[in-house]
Protein backbone atom coordinates (compact mmCIF):
# COMPACT_ATOMS: atom_id res chain seq x y z
CA MET A 1 60.90 26.81 -28.30
CA ILE A 2 63.51 26.40 -25.70
CA GLU A 3 65.91 28.50 -27.80
CA LEU A 4 63.69 31.22 -28.42
CA GLU A 5 62.80 31.35 -24.37
CA GLN A 6 66.32 31.44 -23.77
CA LYS A 7 66.78 34.41 -26.08
CA VAL A 8 64.02 36.23 -24.86
CA LYS A 9 65.20 35.77 -21.30
CA GLN A 10 68.66 37.22 -22.39
CA ILE A 11 67.08 40.35 -24.03
CA ILE A 12 65.02 41.13 -21.03
CA ASN A 13 68.16 40.76 -18.63
CA GLU A 14 70.10 42.97 -21.03
CA ASN A 15 67.66 45.35 -20.25
CA ILE A 16 66.65 44.53 -16.86
CA PRO A 17 69.90 43.44 -15.25
CA ASN A 18 69.24 40.46 -13.05
CA SER A 19 65.48 40.35 -13.56
CA LEU A 20 65.19 36.70 -14.36
CA GLN A 21 66.63 33.97 -12.27
CA ASP A 22 63.80 31.86 -12.56
CA PHE A 23 62.64 31.86 -16.17
CA ARG A 24 58.96 30.66 -15.98
CA MET A 25 56.37 31.05 -18.54
CA ASP A 26 53.75 32.30 -16.17
CA LEU A 27 56.05 35.07 -14.72
CA ARG A 28 54.18 38.35 -15.25
CA LEU A 29 55.85 41.22 -16.86
CA VAL A 30 55.21 43.84 -14.13
CA ASP A 31 56.80 41.29 -11.51
CA ILE A 32 60.37 41.69 -13.31
CA GLY A 33 60.19 45.43 -13.51
CA ILE A 34 58.93 45.93 -16.99
CA ASP A 35 56.89 49.11 -17.65
CA SER A 36 56.03 50.85 -20.50
CA PHE A 37 59.60 52.68 -21.35
CA THR A 38 61.37 49.25 -20.70
CA PHE A 39 58.88 47.22 -22.67
CA ILE A 40 59.46 49.46 -25.74
CA ASN A 41 63.38 48.82 -25.24
CA ILE A 42 62.99 45.17 -25.10
CA ILE A 43 60.58 45.14 -28.11
CA VAL A 44 63.16 46.94 -30.34
CA ALA A 45 65.74 44.39 -28.94
CA ILE A 46 63.27 41.79 -30.12
CA GLU A 47 62.38 43.20 -33.48
CA ASN A 48 66.20 43.27 -34.34
CA GLU A 49 66.92 40.13 -33.11
CA PHE A 50 64.17 37.98 -34.81
CA ASN A 51 63.74 40.46 -37.86
CA PHE A 52 60.04 41.27 -37.53
CA GLU A 53 57.87 44.21 -36.35
CA PHE A 54 55.45 44.27 -33.38
CA GLY A 55 51.97 45.60 -34.79
CA ASP A 56 51.09 48.81 -33.58
CA GLY A 57 48.32 47.53 -31.07
CA ASP A 58 50.64 45.10 -29.73
CA LEU A 59 53.08 47.93 -28.37
CA ASP A 60 51.68 48.06 -24.87
CA TYR A 61 53.13 45.64 -22.23
CA LYS A 62 49.69 45.04 -20.83
CA LYS A 63 48.62 42.89 -23.54
CA PHE A 64 50.92 40.12 -22.49
CA PRO A 65 50.08 39.20 -18.85
CA ASN A 66 53.31 37.11 -18.64
CA LEU A 67 56.38 35.80 -20.55
CA GLY A 68 54.45 32.96 -22.08
CA PHE A 69 51.98 35.32 -24.02
CA LEU A 70 55.35 37.41 -24.93
CA VAL A 71 57.25 34.12 -26.15
CA LEU A 72 54.00 32.75 -27.84
CA TYR A 73 53.53 36.21 -29.79
CA ILE A 74 57.29 36.11 -31.00
CA GLN A 75 56.72 32.37 -32.04
CA ASN A 76 53.67 33.14 -34.20
CA LYS A 77 55.21 36.18 -35.82
CA ILE A 78 58.42 34.19 -36.67
CA ASN A 79 56.17 31.38 -38.18
CA ASN A 80 54.26 33.65 -40.26
CA LEU A 81 57.69 35.22 -41.56
CA THR A 82 58.13 31.58 -43.25
């Protein structure tokens, strides 16, 4: 899971430079500058990196109150691929 967290941090930093100095699972997405536009860019990068698609109902950043929820969602999607 640590590797997954680091990859998500890297993807976020590529879309919002210098956004995550202290990567904590309870960090709120809005607190690092994620809005609907940047969220879609991050989702596309995550989908490409991990080879899965977010569900249509999960494309709203407000469904992920913090990084922990986002990482857990990604982990669950990856686990369901195997």
